[in-house]
Amino acid sequence: MMSDFKKNMHLANRAGFGMSLQQIPAFEQQSTAVLWKQYAQQHEFHPISFNTEQTDIDYTALSKLNATDKKQVQQLNRKRNIEINLNFLNEMVHSEDQLREKMAFFWHGHFASRVINSNFSAHILNEIRKNALGNFRDLLFAVSKAPAMLNFLNNQQNKKGHPNENFAREVMELFTMGRGNYTESDVREAARAFTGWSYDKDAQFLERKKFHDSGSKTFLGRTGNFDGNAILDIILEQPATARFITDKLYRFLVNEQVDQKIVDTLSKDFFDSGYDVRRLLDRVFTAAWFYDSKNVGNKIKSPVELMAGIMRMLPMEIANPENLIVYQKLLGQMLLYPPNVAGWPSGKAWIDSSTLLLRMQIPQIWTGLRPLDLDAQNDDDLDMGMKQSRALAKAYKNPKISIDWAGVEAAFADRDPFELLLQQQPSFGKTLRDSYAGGSRRRTIIEVMSIPEYQLC
């Protein structure tokens, strides 16, 4: 039977970004039921912002700028987006509101968008974080009207007589019902309903009435003069929407191999509750099957989960936090920059011959035991046309991270690092475990974080 401590570790990995150093004593003493109440507790919402040069940018006038001025705008946006990225990562690492940030991370990948405009980036991220544990209807409406999403999916080009189907299609295919639950006719009619949905430069949603098609539309078997709000409500009336969301959450929180019977039960309850996300999470995290051995230590950590987990366990000061952007990029998961509207992959997609080696070396690189031997590739889409400077390239190879080793070693005193850091124990025996780490407590901790089993949660 799994101990309460192991259950607590499992819950911390799935409802947050892993156990922090300070949580070790509490995790050894309290029950999982008590821990879940702490995770489920509501906290005051604090939006993420940026401080970098609060200069207002008139994005409607960008086309009139010369090349030099456009480059300056790009550089300013890049700085702001980096700050937003790092602030989001910082919340994952340090926030007591671990459940909110973990679910925000999930929704950030589910409602994937990628825009240059830093105001839009901050706005949609905060809408996601604010609604991450609330009602899925509120979240869907907030994201669907976010300028970042409307821009990313070209709905500002969706006008009466010249509909653009991109936004309408992705809302159904990727955000709500999934393929097979709508027709091409439904896509065309929904696109007509979303005509006129746009935004202004201040990240405010706008309905441009003169561009809206107010004619009759037939969507999912219903006919009326539907606008975008009506389309979203009709989508939410479909049990397929609750099933699609529940299935994806199960894969993220529980197991990539879906238990269809459990998902059927959860999705019906989710639908009947009116899409209450917090209630759905309560059903998952308090269920006995969640703690079955087949669901523990079976998921490959995403790059961001891996980085945040290391940072939670090893309290660190980073001389140049921007270096963390390079590691996100090298590992293939850069916050605010999903590869496409489908978001990031999961599971074994995170592991290949190059990324696995780097993933296993990061604890050694960050603790100064070895240098980084890889170079981040320049990417105009991510770098916004700015090539990496030699100074930055040199800096991330020597990240200048200082770790509170006195605190770490005190917390690990008389405790087995293998038990504290791993959900699955390695196949080799204790004698070998102790010998390859050289007997040093600090070295043992680093080496345990560098074995394949640490990649699992």
Protein backbone atom coordinates (compact mmCIF):
# COMPACT_ATOMS: atom_id res chain seq x y z
CA MET A 1 0.00 0.00 0.00
CA MET A 2 1.28 3.45 -0.90
CA SER A 3 2.28 5.63 2.06
CA ASP A 4 0.67 9.01 2.67
CA PHE A 5 4.01 10.63 1.87
CA LYS A 6 4.13 9.00 -1.58
CA LYS A 7 0.49 9.96 -2.16
CA ASN A 8 1.31 13.53 -1.18
CA MET A 9 4.22 13.58 -3.64
CA HIS A 10 1.92 12.28 -6.36
CA LEU A 11 -0.68 14.94 -5.62
CA ALA A 12 1.98 17.65 -5.54
CA ASN A 13 3.28 16.57 -8.96
CA ARG A 14 -0.14 16.55 -10.59
CA ALA A 15 -1.90 19.42 -8.78
CA GLY A 16 1.22 21.57 -8.82
CA PHE A 17 4.86 21.58 -9.86
CA GLY A 18 6.16 19.15 -7.28
CA MET A 19 7.08 19.24 -3.62
CA SER A 20 9.12 22.20 -2.44
CA LEU A 21 11.99 21.91 -0.01
CA GLN A 22 9.96 23.60 2.71
CA GLN A 23 7.08 21.15 2.31
CA ILE A 24 9.04 18.02 3.16
CA PRO A 25 8.23 17.91 6.93
CA ALA A 26 4.53 18.63 6.35
CA PHE A 27 4.29 16.00 3.61
CA GLU A 28 5.69 13.44 6.06
CA GLN A 29 3.13 14.28 8.73
CA GLN A 30 -0.20 15.18 7.14
CA SER A 31 -2.74 13.10 5.29
CA THR A 32 -3.41 13.47 1.58
CA ALA A 33 -6.96 14.61 2.33
CA VAL A 34 -5.61 17.52 4.37
CA LEU A 35 -3.07 18.36 1.66
CA TRP A 36 -5.76 18.41 -1.03
CA LYS A 37 -7.81 20.90 1.02
CA GLN A 38 -4.77 23.17 1.06
CA TYR A 39 -4.31 22.88 -2.70
CA ALA A 40 -8.02 23.46 -3.33
CA GLN A 41 -8.17 26.53 -1.09
CA GLN A 42 -9.03 29.73 -2.94
CA HIS A 43 -6.42 32.47 -3.03
CA GLU A 44 -6.54 36.09 -4.07
CA PHE A 45 -5.74 36.46 -7.77
CA HIS A 46 -2.66 38.50 -8.67
CA PRO A 47 -2.26 39.29 -12.38
CA ILE A 48 1.07 39.01 -14.16
CA SER A 49 2.39 42.17 -15.76
CA PHE A 50 5.60 43.66 -17.09
CA ASN A 51 7.68 46.61 -15.95
CA THR A 52 9.84 47.02 -19.04
CA GLU A 53 9.40 50.50 -20.52
CA GLN A 54 5.69 51.13 -20.11
CA THR A 55 5.63 53.06 -23.38
CA ASP A 56 2.27 52.89 -25.15
CA ILE A 57 2.41 51.46 -28.65
CA ASP A 58 -0.17 52.29 -31.28
CA TYR A 59 -0.32 48.97 -33.09
CA THR A 60 -2.76 50.36 -35.65
CA ALA A 61 0.01 52.66 -36.88
CA LEU A 62 2.79 50.06 -37.17
CA SER A 63 2.41 49.80 -40.93
CA LYS A 64 3.33 53.47 -41.18
CA LEU A 65 6.59 53.15 -39.21
CA ASN A 66 9.97 53.01 -40.88
CA ALA A 67 12.23 49.96 -40.51
CA THR A 68 14.19 51.41 -37.58
CA ASP A 69 11.10 52.28 -35.56
CA LYS A 70 9.53 48.88 -36.29
CA LYS A 71 12.67 47.17 -35.01
CA GLN A 72 12.49 49.20 -31.79
CA VAL A 73 8.88 48.12 -31.30
CA GLN A 74 9.87 44.50 -31.88
CA GLN A 75 12.69 44.79 -29.35
CA LEU A 76 10.37 46.32 -26.76
CA ASN A 77 7.79 43.57 -27.29
CA ARG A 78 10.48 40.93 -27.01
CA LYS A 79 11.66 42.35 -23.67
CA ARG A 80 8.11 42.50 -22.37
CA ASN A 81 7.24 38.97 -23.50
CA ILE A 82 10.39 37.63 -21.87
CA GLU A 83 9.38 39.36 -18.63
CA ILE A 84 5.86 37.91 -18.83
CA ASN A 85 7.31 34.45 -19.52
CA LEU A 86 9.65 34.62 -16.53
CA ASN A 87 6.96 36.03 -14.25
CA PHE A 88 4.69 33.10 -15.18
CA LEU A 89 7.50 30.62 -14.48
CA ASN A 90 8.19 32.39 -11.18
CA GLU A 91 4.55 31.91 -10.14
CA MET A 92 4.83 28.21 -10.92
CA VAL A 93 7.89 27.92 -8.72
CA HIS A 94 7.02 30.16 -5.78
CA SER A 95 3.26 30.66 -5.62
CA GLU A 96 1.32 29.02 -2.80
CA ASP A 97 -1.53 28.82 -5.30
CA GLN A 98 -0.02 25.79 -7.00
CA LEU A 99 -3.31 24.40 -8.30
CA ARG A 100 -4.19 27.65 -10.07
CA GLU A 101 -0.78 27.89 -11.75
CA LYS A 102 -0.79 24.21 -12.76
CA MET A 103 -4.22 24.57 -14.33
CA ALA A 104 -3.20 27.86 -15.94
CA PHE A 105 -0.27 25.98 -17.46
CA PHE A 106 -2.71 23.37 -18.81
CA TRP A 107 -5.12 25.94 -20.26
CA HIS A 108 -2.18 27.93 -21.67
CA GLY A 109 -1.40 24.91 -23.82
CA HIS A 110 -5.03 24.10 -24.53
CA PHE A 111 -5.97 27.62 -25.67
CA ALA A 112 -2.70 28.02 -27.53
CA SER A 113 -1.87 31.41 -29.02
CA ARG A 114 1.35 33.14 -30.03
CA VAL A 115 1.47 36.87 -30.70
CA ILE A 116 4.13 39.58 -30.82
CA ASN A 117 1.98 42.17 -29.02
CA SER A 118 3.03 41.94 -25.37
CA ASN A 119 -0.15 43.65 -24.13
CA PHE A 120 -2.16 40.90 -25.80
CA SER A 121 0.14 38.21 -24.35
CA ALA A 122 -0.28 39.50 -20.80
CA HIS A 123 -4.03 39.91 -21.23
CA ILE A 124 -4.82 36.38 -22.43
CA LEU A 125 -2.47 34.79 -19.89
CA ASN A 126 -4.18 36.63 -17.04
CA GLU A 127 -7.64 35.74 -18.35
CA ILE A 128 -6.54 32.10 -18.33
CA ARG A 129 -5.00 32.34 -14.85
CA LYS A 130 -8.00 34.19 -13.43
CA ASN A 131 -10.51 31.64 -14.76
CA ALA A 132 -8.33 28.53 -14.50
CA LEU A 133 -10.29 27.03 -11.58
CA GLY A 134 -13.70 28.56 -12.23
CA ASN A 135 -16.33 27.77 -14.81
CA PHE A 136 -15.24 26.53 -18.23
CA ARG A 137 -17.93 28.68 -19.86
CA ASP A 138 -16.41 31.83 -18.39
CA LEU A 139 -12.95 30.72 -19.47
CA LEU A 140 -14.09 29.88 -23.00
CA PHE A 141 -15.82 33.22 -23.48
CA ALA A 142 -12.87 35.16 -22.03
CA VAL A 143 -10.32 33.44 -24.26
CA SER A 144 -12.53 33.56 -27.36
CA LYS A 145 -12.80 37.34 -26.99
CA ALA A 146 -9.13 37.87 -26.14
CA PRO A 147 -7.32 39.95 -28.79
CA ALA A 148 -4.40 37.50 -28.71
CA MET A 149 -6.65 34.64 -29.81
CA LEU A 150 -8.62 36.67 -32.34
CA ASN A 151 -5.36 37.90 -33.82
CA PHE A 152 -3.64 34.51 -33.82
CA LEU A 153 -6.59 32.87 -35.59
CA ASN A 154 -7.21 35.76 -38.01
CA ASN A 155 -10.72 36.66 -36.89
CA GLN A 156 -10.02 40.36 -37.47
CA GLN A 157 -10.22 39.34 -41.14
CA ASN A 158 -13.61 37.65 -40.66
CA LYS A 159 -16.17 39.98 -42.24
CA LYS A 160 -19.66 39.81 -43.68
CA GLY A 161 -19.50 38.52 -47.25
CA HIS A 162 -15.88 37.40 -46.78
CA PRO A 163 -15.88 34.98 -43.83
CA ASN A 164 -12.62 33.61 -42.48
CA GLU A 165 -13.22 30.14 -41.01
CA ASN A 166 -9.99 29.74 -39.05
CA PHE A 167 -11.23 30.91 -35.65
CA ALA A 168 -14.57 29.09 -35.85
CA ARG A 169 -12.89 25.82 -36.88
CA GLU A 170 -10.31 25.82 -34.09
CA VAL A 171 -12.87 26.75 -31.43
CA MET A 172 -14.72 23.54 -32.26
CA GLU A 173 -11.85 21.23 -33.20
CA LEU A 174 -9.28 22.09 -30.53
CA PHE A 175 -10.98 24.07 -27.77
CA THR A 176 -14.36 22.41 -27.23
CA MET A 177 -15.95 19.45 -29.07
CA GLY A 178 -13.13 17.84 -31.03
CA ARG A 179 -13.26 16.36 -34.51
CA GLY A 180 -16.24 14.28 -35.54
CA ASN A 181 -18.81 16.30 -33.64
CA TYR A 182 -19.50 18.99 -36.26
CA THR A 183 -19.69 19.32 -40.04
CA GLU A 184 -18.05 21.61 -42.56
CA SER A 185 -21.40 23.36 -42.85
CA ASP A 186 -21.27 24.03 -39.09
CA VAL A 187 -17.82 25.59 -39.54
CA ARG A 188 -19.07 27.90 -42.29
CA GLU A 189 -22.15 28.95 -40.34
CA ALA A 190 -20.18 29.52 -37.14
CA ALA A 191 -17.68 31.65 -39.04
CA ARG A 192 -20.56 33.86 -40.21
CA ALA A 193 -21.68 34.23 -36.59
CA PHE A 194 -18.20 35.34 -35.51
CA THR A 195 -17.93 38.03 -38.18
CA GLY A 196 -17.12 41.40 -36.66
CA TRP A 197 -15.41 40.02 -33.54
CA SER A 198 -12.25 42.12 -33.21
CA TYR A 199 -10.20 44.20 -30.77
CA ASP A 200 -8.44 47.50 -30.20
CA LYS A 201 -4.80 48.27 -29.42
CA ASP A 202 -5.44 48.23 -25.65
CA ALA A 203 -6.45 44.55 -25.63
CA GLN A 204 -10.15 45.38 -25.49
CA PHE A 205 -12.68 43.22 -27.31
CA LEU A 206 -14.75 44.98 -29.98
CA GLU A 207 -17.82 43.93 -31.95
CA ARG A 208 -17.68 45.74 -35.28
CA LYS A 209 -21.36 45.75 -36.14
CA LYS A 210 -20.88 46.86 -39.73
CA PHE A 211 -18.80 43.73 -40.39
CA HIS A 212 -21.22 41.31 -38.72
CA ASP A 213 -23.43 38.96 -40.75
CA SER A 214 -26.79 39.19 -38.98
CA GLY A 215 -28.57 36.76 -41.31
CA SER A 216 -30.10 33.43 -40.35
CA LYS A 217 -27.68 30.56 -39.70
CA THR A 218 -28.09 26.83 -39.10
CA PHE A 219 -25.58 25.45 -36.61
CA LEU A 220 -25.54 21.99 -35.02
CA GLY A 221 -29.14 21.46 -36.07
CA ARG A 222 -30.46 24.77 -34.76
CA THR A 223 -31.46 27.82 -36.81
CA GLY A 224 -31.48 31.49 -35.83
CA ASN A 225 -29.78 34.85 -36.23
CA PHE A 226 -26.86 33.63 -34.15
CA ASP A 227 -23.90 35.77 -33.13
CA GLY A 228 -20.67 34.47 -31.64
CA ASN A 229 -22.06 34.34 -28.10
CA ALA A 230 -24.92 32.13 -29.22
CA ILE A 231 -22.54 29.80 -31.05
CA LEU A 232 -20.42 29.31 -27.93
CA ASP A 233 -23.52 28.62 -25.84
CA ILE A 234 -24.76 26.03 -28.33
CA ILE A 235 -21.34 24.36 -28.26
CA LEU A 236 -21.51 24.21 -24.46
CA GLU A 237 -24.91 22.52 -24.69
CA GLN A 238 -23.22 19.54 -26.37
CA PRO A 239 -22.15 16.69 -24.04
CA ALA A 240 -19.29 16.12 -26.50
CA THR A 241 -17.69 19.33 -25.21
CA ALA A 242 -17.62 18.10 -21.61
CA ARG A 243 -16.27 14.74 -22.85
CA PHE A 244 -13.51 16.34 -24.90
CA ILE A 245 -12.30 18.58 -22.05
CA THR A 246 -12.50 15.81 -19.45
CA ASP A 247 -10.58 13.40 -21.66
CA LYS A 248 -7.78 15.94 -22.20
CA LEU A 249 -7.62 16.80 -18.50
CA TYR A 250 -7.44 13.10 -17.61
CA ARG A 251 -4.45 12.70 -19.93
CA PHE A 252 -2.77 15.71 -18.33
CA LEU A 253 -3.54 14.96 -14.67
CA VAL A 254 -3.80 11.18 -14.48
CA ASN A 255 -2.55 9.01 -17.34
CA GLU A 256 -1.90 9.24 -21.08
CA GLN A 257 -3.73 5.91 -21.34
CA VAL A 258 -7.36 6.90 -20.78
CA ASP A 259 -9.75 4.80 -18.71
CA GLN A 260 -12.85 5.41 -20.81
CA LYS A 261 -15.26 4.30 -18.10
CA ILE A 262 -13.84 6.79 -15.59
CA VAL A 263 -13.80 9.60 -18.15
CA ASP A 264 -17.42 8.88 -19.08
CA THR A 265 -18.45 9.24 -15.42
CA LEU A 266 -16.35 12.37 -14.88
CA SER A 267 -17.55 14.07 -18.07
CA LYS A 268 -21.22 13.49 -17.24
CA ASP A 269 -20.69 15.05 -13.83
CA PHE A 270 -18.73 17.91 -15.41
CA PHE A 271 -21.57 18.56 -17.86
CA ASP A 272 -24.27 18.30 -15.18
CA SER A 273 -22.35 20.73 -12.94
CA GLY A 274 -22.45 23.39 -15.65
CA TYR A 275 -18.72 23.01 -16.34
CA ASP A 276 -17.44 23.55 -12.80
CA VAL A 277 -13.67 23.00 -13.17
CA ARG A 278 -12.89 22.98 -9.45
CA ARG A 279 -15.54 20.32 -8.85
CA LEU A 280 -14.05 18.18 -11.64
CA LEU A 281 -10.60 18.47 -10.09
CA ASP A 282 -12.00 17.49 -6.70
CA ARG A 283 -13.50 14.35 -8.28
CA VAL A 284 -10.09 13.47 -9.74
CA PHE A 285 -7.79 14.22 -6.83
CA THR A 286 -9.95 12.60 -4.15
CA ALA A 287 -10.64 9.41 -6.10
CA ALA A 288 -8.98 6.18 -4.94
CA TRP A 289 -8.10 5.29 -8.55
CA PHE A 290 -6.01 8.45 -8.87
CA TYR A 291 -3.52 6.87 -6.44
CA ASP A 292 -3.39 3.47 -8.16
CA SER A 293 0.17 2.41 -8.89
CA LYS A 294 -0.49 2.48 -12.64
CA ASN A 295 -1.14 6.24 -12.38
CA VAL A 296 1.91 7.10 -10.26
CA GLY A 297 5.28 7.97 -11.77
CA ASN A 298 3.99 7.20 -15.25
CA LYS A 299 4.08 10.64 -16.89
CA ILE A 300 7.08 12.25 -18.53
CA LYS A 301 7.52 15.77 -17.20
CA SER A 302 7.22 18.51 -19.77
CA PRO A 303 10.28 20.81 -19.97
CA VAL A 304 8.56 23.53 -17.94
CA GLU A 305 7.43 21.03 -15.30
CA LEU A 306 10.98 19.69 -15.10
CA MET A 307 12.52 23.15 -14.70
CA ALA A 308 9.94 24.34 -12.17
CA GLY A 309 10.31 21.13 -10.16
CA ILE A 310 14.08 21.49 -9.89
CA MET A 311 13.72 25.14 -8.88
CA ARG A 312 11.16 24.27 -6.18
CA MET A 313 13.41 21.62 -4.67
CA LEU A 314 16.67 23.57 -4.91
CA PRO A 315 16.12 27.16 -3.73
CA MET A 316 18.24 29.23 -6.07
CA GLU A 317 19.23 32.75 -6.97
CA ILE A 318 19.78 33.30 -10.70
CA ALA A 319 22.03 36.20 -11.65
CA ASN A 320 20.47 36.45 -15.09
CA PRO A 321 16.95 34.94 -15.17
CA GLU A 322 16.77 35.52 -18.93
CA ASN A 323 19.02 32.46 -19.25
CA LEU A 324 15.96 30.37 -18.38
CA ILE A 325 14.42 31.40 -21.69
CA VAL A 326 17.29 29.69 -23.50
CA TYR A 327 16.73 26.46 -21.55
CA GLN A 328 13.02 26.53 -22.40
CA LYS A 329 13.98 26.96 -26.02
CA LEU A 330 16.58 24.17 -25.97
CA LEU A 331 14.12 21.77 -24.34
CA GLY A 332 11.31 22.64 -26.75
CA GLN A 333 8.73 24.36 -24.54
CA MET A 334 8.90 28.14 -24.45
CA LEU A 335 6.04 29.77 -22.53
CA LEU A 336 3.95 32.14 -24.70
CA TYR A 337 5.28 30.40 -27.83
CA PRO A 338 3.44 27.11 -28.46
CA PRO A 339 4.43 25.49 -31.78
CA ASN A 340 0.94 25.91 -33.24
CA VAL A 341 -2.71 26.29 -32.28
CA ALA A 342 -2.81 22.65 -31.12
CA GLY A 343 -0.37 23.51 -28.34
CA TRP A 344 2.56 21.44 -27.15
CA PRO A 345 2.81 17.66 -27.47
CA SER A 346 2.97 15.41 -24.43
CA GLY A 347 4.31 12.12 -23.18
CA LYS A 348 7.06 10.46 -25.21
CA ALA A 349 7.05 13.37 -27.67
CA TRP A 350 9.23 15.23 -25.14
CA ILE A 351 12.01 12.66 -25.35
CA ASP A 352 14.49 12.19 -28.17
CA SER A 353 18.21 11.47 -28.29
CA SER A 354 19.24 15.11 -27.84
CA THR A 355 16.64 16.42 -25.40
CA LEU A 356 16.90 13.43 -23.04
CA LEU A 357 20.63 14.01 -22.60
CA LEU A 358 20.14 17.71 -21.88
CA ARG A 359 17.22 17.05 -19.53
CA MET A 360 19.40 14.68 -17.48
CA GLN A 361 22.31 17.14 -17.47
CA ILE A 362 20.40 20.22 -16.31
CA PRO A 363 20.82 19.52 -12.56
CA GLN A 364 24.57 19.21 -13.11
CA ILE A 365 24.73 22.32 -15.32
CA TRP A 366 22.69 24.46 -12.94
CA THR A 367 24.75 23.34 -9.94
CA GLY A 368 28.03 24.05 -11.72
CA LEU A 369 29.26 20.46 -12.12
CA ARG A 370 29.42 20.65 -15.90
CA PRO A 371 29.10 23.24 -18.67
CA LEU A 372 26.33 23.38 -21.23
CA ASP A 373 27.60 21.81 -24.47
CA LEU A 374 24.70 22.83 -26.72
CA ASP A 375 23.91 26.02 -28.59
CA ALA A 376 20.38 27.38 -28.94
CA GLN A 377 19.46 27.83 -32.58
CA ASN A 378 18.47 31.26 -33.78
CA ASP A 379 14.79 31.34 -34.64
CA ASP A 380 13.29 34.50 -36.13
CA ASP A 381 9.83 33.52 -34.93
CA LEU A 382 10.97 33.28 -31.32
CA ASP A 383 13.70 35.90 -31.41
CA MET A 384 11.56 38.40 -33.34
CA GLY A 385 14.31 38.98 -35.84
CA MET A 386 16.99 39.55 -33.21
CA LYS A 387 20.03 37.30 -33.35
CA GLN A 388 21.46 36.12 -30.07
CA SER A 389 24.31 38.24 -28.84
CA ARG A 390 27.64 36.64 -28.01
CA ALA A 391 27.26 37.87 -24.46
CA LEU A 392 23.93 36.06 -24.02
CA ALA A 393 25.28 32.89 -25.64
CA LYS A 394 28.20 32.92 -23.21
CA ALA A 395 25.97 33.74 -20.24
CA TYR A 396 23.59 30.82 -20.55
CA LYS A 397 26.50 28.38 -20.78
CA ASN A 398 27.50 29.67 -17.32
CA PRO A 399 24.11 30.40 -15.74
CA LYS A 400 25.56 31.82 -12.49
CA ILE A 401 23.05 30.09 -10.24
CA SER A 402 23.64 30.08 -6.49
CA ILE A 403 21.84 27.44 -4.43
CA ASP A 404 21.11 27.43 -0.70
CA TRP A 405 22.98 24.17 -0.15
CA ALA A 406 23.00 24.57 3.62
CA GLY A 407 19.20 24.60 3.61
CA VAL A 408 18.99 21.73 1.12
CA GLU A 409 21.41 19.52 3.04
CA ALA A 410 19.65 20.27 6.32
CA ALA A 411 16.29 19.29 4.81
CA PHE A 412 17.76 16.07 3.39
CA ALA A 413 19.62 15.14 6.58
CA ASP A 414 18.67 11.61 7.68
CA ARG A 415 16.36 11.35 4.66
CA ASP A 416 16.87 9.20 1.58
CA PRO A 417 17.14 11.42 -1.54
CA PHE A 418 15.85 8.56 -3.67
CA GLU A 419 12.66 8.45 -1.62
CA LEU A 420 12.24 12.24 -1.56
CA LEU A 421 12.90 12.89 -5.25
CA LEU A 422 11.55 9.88 -7.14
CA GLN A 423 8.08 8.42 -7.60
CA GLN A 424 9.58 5.31 -9.17
CA GLN A 425 12.64 3.72 -7.60
CA PRO A 426 15.56 2.93 -9.93
CA SER A 427 16.31 -0.65 -10.88
CA PHE A 428 19.83 -0.64 -9.42
CA GLY A 429 20.43 -1.48 -5.76
CA LYS A 430 21.18 0.74 -2.77
CA THR A 431 24.88 -0.11 -2.69
CA LEU A 432 25.33 1.14 -6.21
CA ARG A 433 23.10 4.13 -5.48
CA ASP A 434 25.37 5.21 -2.66
CA SER A 435 28.64 4.46 -4.38
CA TYR A 436 28.15 6.30 -7.67
CA ALA A 437 27.27 9.49 -5.77
CA GLY A 438 30.59 9.34 -3.94
CA GLY A 439 29.05 9.52 -0.47
CA SER A 440 28.47 13.29 -0.62
CA ARG A 441 24.91 14.30 0.28
CA ARG A 442 25.00 17.22 -2.14
CA ARG A 443 26.38 15.08 -4.96
CA THR A 444 23.80 12.37 -4.29
CA ILE A 445 20.95 14.86 -4.62
CA ILE A 446 22.32 16.15 -7.92
CA GLU A 447 22.93 12.64 -9.29
CA VAL A 448 19.43 11.46 -8.33
CA MET A 449 18.00 14.42 -10.25
CA SER A 450 20.12 13.33 -13.22
CA ILE A 451 18.79 9.79 -13.67
CA PRO A 452 15.95 8.80 -16.03
CA GLU A 453 13.47 8.15 -13.21
CA TYR A 454 13.56 11.82 -12.22
CA GLN A 455 12.06 12.63 -15.62
CA LEU A 456 8.85 10.94 -14.46
CA CYS A 457 6.13 12.25 -12.17
